[in-house]
């Protein structure tokens, strides 16, 4: 009798194993879904943010006040103060223009176009800020269409011009016919970690840079950290 049952039991075993083999993809999918659900349910562990020191908090407040004061100025007053600041040889190295003609001038706003007609080069004494007429170039905005916080226009929306760089080497960009200056932080490296700082005009930008250089001479690198914090707000 066992001789008859053995083949039958063996056949049943084969059929059972085959049924399990056929359903292996289902088991694998279920296992993946279970693992994904487990990971989603786990709390995200973020590294603890270091607490700001009283000195850092004070520097951030100084930067905030300084920035608000500069940004509140009208364009005429900002220009007058910026032109006065540029005469400070401790901070700026400037070269007057030899001719009023320069490339891409027709794409700039009226005030910026007239201002650059007076200067060939504007650089801070420490090699950071750099605005040179012979380096003006059309600017292609980073491709950040998928990021909701992007304020950059589409590539074909306008013809923007890079007029120079800030103290970190990031591009200073103006949209066609406008006075507003946008600093594209991270734009020099092509990184997707890009954010923007905007100034009503190049005069507001230069004034704030001037006060930063003066503060850095007194406060050192810590004041620079305060500025970086302010840009992220």
C-alpha atoms as a PDB file:
ATOM      1  CA  UNK A   1       0.000   0.000   0.000  1.00  0.00           C
ATOM      2  CA  UNK A   2       2.828   2.362   0.831  1.00  0.00           C
ATOM      3  CA  UNK A   3       4.166   1.694  -2.605  1.00  0.00           C
ATOM      4  CA  UNK A   4       0.964   3.172  -4.047  1.00  0.00           C
ATOM      5  CA  UNK A   5       0.765   6.112  -1.615  1.00  0.00           C
ATOM      6  CA  UNK A   6       4.358   7.262  -2.010  1.00  0.00           C
ATOM      7  CA  UNK A   7       4.003   8.453  -5.636  1.00  0.00           C
ATOM      8  CA  UNK A   8       0.701  10.104  -4.778  1.00  0.00           C
ATOM      9  CA  UNK A   9       2.154  11.963  -1.799  1.00  0.00           C
ATOM     10  CA  UNK A  10       5.163  12.977  -3.849  1.00  0.00           C
ATOM     11  CA  UNK A  11       2.887  14.349  -6.571  1.00  0.00           C
ATOM     12  CA  UNK A  12       0.874  16.315  -4.004  1.00  0.00           C
ATOM     13  CA  UNK A  13       4.112  17.778  -2.604  1.00  0.00           C
ATOM     14  CA  UNK A  14       5.236  18.819  -6.073  1.00  0.00           C
ATOM     15  CA  UNK A  15       1.893  20.520  -6.773  1.00  0.00           C
ATOM     16  CA  UNK A  16       2.026  22.363  -3.425  1.00  0.00           C
ATOM     17  CA  UNK A  17       5.599  23.591  -4.022  1.00  0.00           C
ATOM     18  CA  UNK A  18       4.713  24.772  -7.514  1.00  0.00           C
ATOM     19  CA  UNK A  19       1.726  26.712  -6.197  1.00  0.00           C
ATOM     20  CA  UNK A  20       3.992  28.461  -3.708  1.00  0.00           C
ATOM     21  CA  UNK A  21       6.577  29.187  -6.416  1.00  0.00           C
ATOM     22  CA  UNK A  22       3.946  30.785  -8.626  1.00  0.00           C
ATOM     23  CA  UNK A  23       2.938  33.077  -5.748  1.00  0.00           C
ATOM     24  CA  UNK A  24       6.504  34.113  -4.844  1.00  0.00           C
ATOM     25  CA  UNK A  25       6.178  37.532  -6.607  1.00  0.00           C
ATOM     26  CA  UNK A  26       3.076  38.210  -4.498  1.00  0.00           C
ATOM     27  CA  UNK A  27       4.950  37.357  -1.320  1.00  0.00           C
ATOM     28  CA  UNK A  28       7.896  39.538  -2.372  1.00  0.00           C
ATOM     29  CA  UNK A  29       5.575  42.471  -3.148  1.00  0.00           C
ATOM     30  CA  UNK A  30       3.860  42.061   0.216  1.00  0.00           C
ATOM     31  CA  UNK A  31       7.227  42.020   1.967  1.00  0.00           C
ATOM     32  CA  UNK A  32       8.307  45.220   0.188  1.00  0.00           C
ATOM     33  CA  UNK A  33       5.044  46.957   1.056  1.00  0.00           C
ATOM     34  CA  UNK A  34       5.396  45.895   4.686  1.00  0.00           C
ATOM     35  CA  UNK A  35       8.951  47.242   4.876  1.00  0.00           C
ATOM     36  CA  UNK A  36       7.925  50.519   3.218  1.00  0.00           C
ATOM     37  CA  UNK A  37       5.037  50.944   5.660  1.00  0.00           C
ATOM     38  CA  UNK A  38       7.368  50.195   8.561  1.00  0.00           C
ATOM     39  CA  UNK A  39       9.867  52.817   7.443  1.00  0.00           C
ATOM     40  CA  UNK A  40       7.120  55.404   6.880  1.00  0.00           C
ATOM     41  CA  UNK A  41       5.803  54.826  10.390  1.00  0.00           C
ATOM     42  CA  UNK A  42       9.191  55.355  11.991  1.00  0.00           C
ATOM     43  CA  UNK A  43       9.819  58.923  13.207  1.00  0.00           C
ATOM     44  CA  UNK A  44      12.422  60.888  11.260  1.00  0.00           C
ATOM     45  CA  UNK A  45      15.455  61.464  13.452  1.00  0.00           C
ATOM     46  CA  UNK A  46      16.971  64.837  12.665  1.00  0.00           C
ATOM     47  CA  UNK A  47      20.261  66.014  14.132  1.00  0.00           C
ATOM     48  CA  UNK A  48      19.832  68.490  16.936  1.00  0.00           C
ATOM     49  CA  UNK A  49      20.397  72.093  15.832  1.00  0.00           C
ATOM     50  CA  UNK A  50      23.103  73.849  17.831  1.00  0.00           C
ATOM     51  CA  UNK A  51      21.827  76.645  20.012  1.00  0.00           C
ATOM     52  CA  UNK A  52      22.906  80.116  18.961  1.00  0.00           C
ATOM     53  CA  UNK A  53      25.197  81.873  21.394  1.00  0.00           C
ATOM     54  CA  UNK A  54      24.269  85.308  22.770  1.00  0.00           C
ATOM     55  CA  UNK A  55      26.987  86.835  20.559  1.00  0.00           C
ATOM     56  CA  UNK A  56      25.513  85.172  17.430  1.00  0.00           C
ATOM     57  CA  UNK A  57      22.014  86.346  18.336  1.00  0.00           C
ATOM     58  CA  UNK A  58      23.293  89.887  18.776  1.00  0.00           C
ATOM     59  CA  UNK A  59      25.052  89.766  15.403  1.00  0.00           C
ATOM     60  CA  UNK A  60      21.914  88.490  13.680  1.00  0.00           C
ATOM     61  CA  UNK A  61      19.925  91.334  15.189  1.00  0.00           C
ATOM     62  CA  UNK A  62      22.540  93.847  14.055  1.00  0.00           C
ATOM     63  CA  UNK A  63      22.371  92.486  10.536  1.00  0.00           C
ATOM     64  CA  UNK A  64      18.553  92.537  10.521  1.00  0.00           C
ATOM     65  CA  UNK A  65      18.458  96.199  11.609  1.00  0.00           C
ATOM     66  CA  UNK A  66      21.176  97.176   9.140  1.00  0.00           C
ATOM     67  CA  UNK A  67      19.408  95.443   6.263  1.00  0.00           C
ATOM     68  CA  UNK A  68      16.020  96.973   7.090  1.00  0.00           C
ATOM     69  CA  UNK A  69      17.533 100.458   7.216  1.00  0.00           C
ATOM     70  CA  UNK A  70      19.193 100.060   3.819  1.00  0.00           C
ATOM     71  CA  UNK A  71      16.220  98.406   2.124  1.00  0.00           C
ATOM     72  CA  UNK A  72      13.893 101.188   3.311  1.00  0.00           C
ATOM     73  CA  UNK A  73      15.833 103.866   1.401  1.00  0.00           C
ATOM     74  CA  UNK A  74      14.417 105.346  -1.788  1.00  0.00           C
ATOM     75  CA  UNK A  75      16.450 104.867  -4.946  1.00  0.00           C
ATOM     76  CA  UNK A  76      17.719 108.477  -5.103  1.00  0.00           C
ATOM     77  CA  UNK A  77      18.937 108.466  -1.501  1.00  0.00           C
ATOM     78  CA  UNK A  78      20.424 104.985  -1.877  1.00  0.00           C
ATOM     79  CA  UNK A  79      22.338 106.123  -4.972  1.00  0.00           C
ATOM     80  CA  UNK A  80      23.689 109.236  -3.247  1.00  0.00           C
ATOM     81  CA  UNK A  81      24.869 107.211  -0.261  1.00  0.00           C
ATOM     82  CA  UNK A  82      26.331 104.463  -2.456  1.00  0.00           C
ATOM     83  CA  UNK A  83      28.308 106.962  -4.530  1.00  0.00           C
ATOM     84  CA  UNK A  84      29.659 108.493  -1.330  1.00  0.00           C
ATOM     85  CA  UNK A  85      30.573 105.036   0.004  1.00  0.00           C
ATOM     86  CA  UNK A  86      32.446 104.172  -3.184  1.00  0.00           C
ATOM     87  CA  UNK A  87      34.857 107.009  -2.441  1.00  0.00           C
ATOM     88  CA  UNK A  88      36.015 105.129   0.659  1.00  0.00           C
ATOM     89  CA  UNK A  89      39.367 103.697  -0.440  1.00  0.00           C
ATOM     90  CA  UNK A  90      39.511 101.397   2.589  1.00  0.00           C
ATOM     91  CA  UNK A  91      36.577  99.412   1.189  1.00  0.00           C
ATOM     92  CA  UNK A  92      36.385  99.971  -2.580  1.00  0.00           C
ATOM     93  CA  UNK A  93      38.657  99.858  -5.606  1.00  0.00           C
ATOM     94  CA  UNK A  94      36.919 101.682  -8.472  1.00  0.00           C
ATOM     95  CA  UNK A  95      37.962 102.708 -11.988  1.00  0.00           C
ATOM     96  CA  UNK A  96      36.072 105.500 -13.797  1.00  0.00           C
ATOM     97  CA  UNK A  97      34.706 104.728 -17.250  1.00  0.00           C
ATOM     98  CA  UNK A  98      36.770 105.689 -20.279  1.00  0.00           C
ATOM     99  CA  UNK A  99      33.692 105.612 -22.529  1.00  0.00           C
ATOM    100  CA  UNK A 100      29.940 105.651 -21.960  1.00  0.00           C
ATOM    101  CA  UNK A 101      29.385 102.757 -24.368  1.00  0.00           C
ATOM    102  CA  UNK A 102      29.416  99.135 -23.176  1.00  0.00           C
ATOM    103  CA  UNK A 103      27.916  95.752 -24.078  1.00  0.00           C
ATOM    104  CA  UNK A 104      24.369  94.811 -23.014  1.00  0.00           C
ATOM    105  CA  UNK A 105      23.650  98.337 -21.753  1.00  0.00           C
ATOM    106  CA  UNK A 106      20.345  98.340 -23.656  1.00  0.00           C
ATOM    107  CA  UNK A 107      19.070  95.464 -21.491  1.00  0.00           C
ATOM    108  CA  UNK A 108      19.583  97.321 -18.196  1.00  0.00           C
ATOM    109  CA  UNK A 109      17.179  99.572 -16.337  1.00  0.00           C
ATOM    110  CA  UNK A 110      17.713 103.333 -16.812  1.00  0.00           C
ATOM    111  CA  UNK A 111      19.359 104.045 -13.436  1.00  0.00           C
ATOM    112  CA  UNK A 112      21.674 101.035 -13.577  1.00  0.00           C
ATOM    113  CA  UNK A 113      22.586 101.795 -17.201  1.00  0.00           C
ATOM    114  CA  UNK A 114      23.506 105.399 -16.331  1.00  0.00           C
ATOM    115  CA  UNK A 115      25.419 104.316 -13.215  1.00  0.00           C
ATOM    116  CA  UNK A 116      27.583 101.815 -15.092  1.00  0.00           C
ATOM    117  CA  UNK A 117      28.229 104.403 -17.794  1.00  0.00           C
ATOM    118  CA  UNK A 118      30.339 106.150 -15.128  1.00  0.00           C
ATOM    119  CA  UNK A 119      32.396 103.140 -13.949  1.00  0.00           C
ATOM    120  CA  UNK A 120      34.521 100.535 -15.700  1.00  0.00           C
ATOM    121  CA  UNK A 121      35.125  98.563 -12.514  1.00  0.00           C
ATOM    122  CA  UNK A 122      33.762  98.415  -8.954  1.00  0.00           C
ATOM    123  CA  UNK A 123      35.405  95.940  -6.559  1.00  0.00           C
ATOM    124  CA  UNK A 124      35.699  95.753  -2.813  1.00  0.00           C
ATOM    125  CA  UNK A 125      39.192  95.960  -1.385  1.00  0.00           C
ATOM    126  CA  UNK A 126      39.110  92.352  -0.165  1.00  0.00           C
ATOM    127  CA  UNK A 127      38.400  90.691  -3.508  1.00  0.00           C
ATOM    128  CA  UNK A 128      34.748  89.853  -2.943  1.00  0.00           C
ATOM    129  CA  UNK A 129      32.212  92.089  -4.688  1.00  0.00           C
ATOM    130  CA  UNK A 130      33.050  92.475  -8.356  1.00  0.00           C
ATOM    131  CA  UNK A 131      31.191  94.554 -10.986  1.00  0.00           C
ATOM    132  CA  UNK A 132      33.030  95.045 -14.276  1.00  0.00           C
ATOM    133  CA  UNK A 133      31.507  96.433 -17.461  1.00  0.00           C
ATOM    134  CA  UNK A 134      33.721  94.268 -19.664  1.00  0.00           C
ATOM    135  CA  UNK A 135      32.397  91.133 -17.938  1.00  0.00           C
ATOM    136  CA  UNK A 136      28.672  91.815 -18.327  1.00  0.00           C
ATOM    137  CA  UNK A 137      27.051  88.750 -19.899  1.00  0.00           C
ATOM    138  CA  UNK A 138      23.636  87.276 -20.616  1.00  0.00           C
ATOM    139  CA  UNK A 139      22.543  85.017 -17.769  1.00  0.00           C
ATOM    140  CA  UNK A 140      20.795  81.664 -17.903  1.00  0.00           C
ATOM    141  CA  UNK A 141      18.758  81.053 -14.764  1.00  0.00           C
ATOM    142  CA  UNK A 142      19.141  77.710 -12.952  1.00  0.00           C
ATOM    143  CA  UNK A 143      16.594  75.092 -14.019  1.00  0.00           C
ATOM    144  CA  UNK A 144      14.497  75.045 -10.853  1.00  0.00           C
ATOM    145  CA  UNK A 145      11.060  74.620 -12.429  1.00  0.00           C
ATOM    146  CA  UNK A 146      10.317  71.668 -10.166  1.00  0.00           C
ATOM    147  CA  UNK A 147      10.948  73.607  -6.961  1.00  0.00           C
ATOM    148  CA  UNK A 148       7.990  75.547  -5.575  1.00  0.00           C
ATOM    149  CA  UNK A 149      10.153  78.290  -4.013  1.00  0.00           C
ATOM    150  CA  UNK A 150      11.876  79.221  -7.260  1.00  0.00           C
ATOM    151  CA  UNK A 151      11.451  82.842  -8.341  1.00  0.00           C
ATOM    152  CA  UNK A 152      13.620  82.500 -11.427  1.00  0.00           C
ATOM    153  CA  UNK A 153      11.886  83.207 -14.738  1.00  0.00           C
ATOM    154  CA  UNK A 154      11.666  80.663 -17.508  1.00  0.00           C
ATOM    155  CA  UNK A 155      14.680  80.591 -19.830  1.00  0.00           C
ATOM    156  CA  UNK A 156      12.754  82.287 -22.644  1.00  0.00           C
ATOM    157  CA  UNK A 157      10.824  84.737 -20.436  1.00  0.00           C
ATOM    158  CA  UNK A 158      13.395  87.509 -20.668  1.00  0.00           C
ATOM    159  CA  UNK A 159      17.033  88.302 -21.341  1.00  0.00           C
ATOM    160  CA  UNK A 160      18.688  88.729 -17.971  1.00  0.00           C
ATOM    161  CA  UNK A 161      22.198  90.075 -17.465  1.00  0.00           C
ATOM    162  CA  UNK A 162      24.833  89.056 -14.935  1.00  0.00           C
ATOM    163  CA  UNK A 163      26.498  92.294 -13.851  1.00  0.00           C
ATOM    164  CA  UNK A 164      28.997  90.802 -11.384  1.00  0.00           C
ATOM    165  CA  UNK A 165      29.366  88.738  -8.222  1.00  0.00           C
ATOM    166  CA  UNK A 166      28.834  89.199  -4.500  1.00  0.00           C
ATOM    167  CA  UNK A 167      31.341  88.528  -1.714  1.00  0.00           C
ATOM    168  CA  UNK A 168      30.817  84.766  -2.056  1.00  0.00           C
ATOM    169  CA  UNK A 169      31.283  84.771  -5.827  1.00  0.00           C
ATOM    170  CA  UNK A 170      27.556  84.285  -6.490  1.00  0.00           C
ATOM    171  CA  UNK A 171      26.055  85.967  -9.583  1.00  0.00           C
ATOM    172  CA  UNK A 172      24.391  89.385  -9.421  1.00  0.00           C
ATOM    173  CA  UNK A 173      21.570  89.278 -11.974  1.00  0.00           C
ATOM    174  CA  UNK A 174      19.125  91.881 -13.298  1.00  0.00           C
ATOM    175  CA  UNK A 175      16.107  91.073 -15.416  1.00  0.00           C
ATOM    176  CA  UNK A 176      15.708  92.886 -18.710  1.00  0.00           C
ATOM    177  CA  UNK A 177      14.846  96.564 -18.214  1.00  0.00           C
ATOM    178  CA  UNK A 178      14.621  96.312 -14.416  1.00  0.00           C
ATOM    179  CA  UNK A 179      16.597  97.903 -11.592  1.00  0.00           C
ATOM    180  CA  UNK A 180      16.123  95.110  -9.028  1.00  0.00           C
ATOM    181  CA  UNK A 181      19.260  93.027  -8.382  1.00  0.00           C
ATOM    182  CA  UNK A 182      18.972  89.316  -7.579  1.00  0.00           C
ATOM    183  CA  UNK A 183      21.805  87.409  -5.920  1.00  0.00           C
ATOM    184  CA  UNK A 184      21.656  83.766  -7.041  1.00  0.00           C
ATOM    185  CA  UNK A 185      23.242  81.977  -4.080  1.00  0.00           C
ATOM    186  CA  UNK A 186      24.829  78.727  -5.254  1.00  0.00           C
ATOM    187  CA  UNK A 187      24.368  79.763  -8.872  1.00  0.00           C
ATOM    188  CA  UNK A 188      28.086  79.765  -9.612  1.00  0.00           C
ATOM    189  CA  UNK A 189      28.360  75.997  -9.032  1.00  0.00           C
ATOM    190  CA  UNK A 190      25.256  74.785 -10.852  1.00  0.00           C
ATOM    191  CA  UNK A 191      23.996  73.284  -7.592  1.00  0.00           C
ATOM    192  CA  UNK A 192      20.286  72.623  -7.091  1.00  0.00           C
ATOM    193  CA  UNK A 193      20.687  74.054  -3.590  1.00  0.00           C
ATOM    194  CA  UNK A 194      19.973  77.559  -4.834  1.00  0.00           C
ATOM    195  CA  UNK A 195      18.199  80.451  -3.157  1.00  0.00           C
ATOM    196  CA  UNK A 196      17.778  84.133  -3.937  1.00  0.00           C
ATOM    197  CA  UNK A 197      18.336  87.488  -2.248  1.00  0.00           C
ATOM    198  CA  UNK A 198      16.820  90.561  -3.873  1.00  0.00           C
ATOM    199  CA  UNK A 199      17.685  94.247  -3.606  1.00  0.00           C
ATOM    200  CA  UNK A 200      15.622  97.157  -4.956  1.00  0.00           C
ATOM    201  CA  UNK A 201      18.640  98.426  -6.896  1.00  0.00           C
ATOM    202  CA  UNK A 202      22.381  98.031  -7.286  1.00  0.00           C
ATOM    203  CA  UNK A 203      22.762 101.014  -4.928  1.00  0.00           C
ATOM    204  CA  UNK A 204      20.998  99.182  -2.083  1.00  0.00           C
ATOM    205  CA  UNK A 205      23.211  96.161  -2.740  1.00  0.00           C
ATOM    206  CA  UNK A 206      26.418  98.200  -2.644  1.00  0.00           C
ATOM    207  CA  UNK A 207      25.375 100.027   0.527  1.00  0.00           C
ATOM    208  CA  UNK A 208      24.714  96.803   2.379  1.00  0.00           C
ATOM    209  CA  UNK A 209      28.013  95.350   1.161  1.00  0.00           C
ATOM    210  CA  UNK A 210      29.789  98.496   2.348  1.00  0.00           C
ATOM    211  CA  UNK A 211      28.348  98.208   5.848  1.00  0.00           C
ATOM    212  CA  UNK A 212      29.189  94.471   5.922  1.00  0.00           C
ATOM    213  CA  UNK A 213      32.835  95.111   5.124  1.00  0.00           C
ATOM    214  CA  UNK A 214      33.026  97.785   7.820  1.00  0.00           C
ATOM    215  CA  UNK A 215      31.342  95.480  10.348  1.00  0.00           C
ATOM    216  CA  UNK A 216      33.588  92.570   9.371  1.00  0.00           C
ATOM    217  CA  UNK A 217      36.633  94.697  10.154  1.00  0.00           C
ATOM    218  CA  UNK A 218      35.268  95.110  13.679  1.00  0.00           C
ATOM    219  CA  UNK A 219      33.403  91.840  14.206  1.00  0.00           C
ATOM    220  CA  UNK A 220      35.387  89.429  12.037  1.00  0.00           C
ATOM    221  CA  UNK A 221      33.978  86.159  10.739  1.00  0.00           C
ATOM    222  CA  UNK A 222      31.179  86.109  13.297  1.00  0.00           C
ATOM    223  CA  UNK A 223      29.508  89.078  11.635  1.00  0.00           C
ATOM    224  CA  UNK A 224      29.733  87.263   8.312  1.00  0.00           C
ATOM    225  CA  UNK A 225      27.854  84.384   9.927  1.00  0.00           C
ATOM    226  CA  UNK A 226      25.162  86.831  10.968  1.00  0.00           C
ATOM    227  CA  UNK A 227      24.848  88.006   7.369  1.00  0.00           C
ATOM    228  CA  UNK A 228      24.499  84.429   6.090  1.00  0.00           C
ATOM    229  CA  UNK A 229      21.757  83.794   8.642  1.00  0.00           C
ATOM    230  CA  UNK A 230      19.929  86.912   7.456  1.00  0.00           C
ATOM    231  CA  UNK A 231      20.001  85.815   3.821  1.00  0.00           C
ATOM    232  CA  UNK A 232      18.208  82.596   4.728  1.00  0.00           C
ATOM    233  CA  UNK A 233      15.287  84.369   6.412  1.00  0.00           C
END
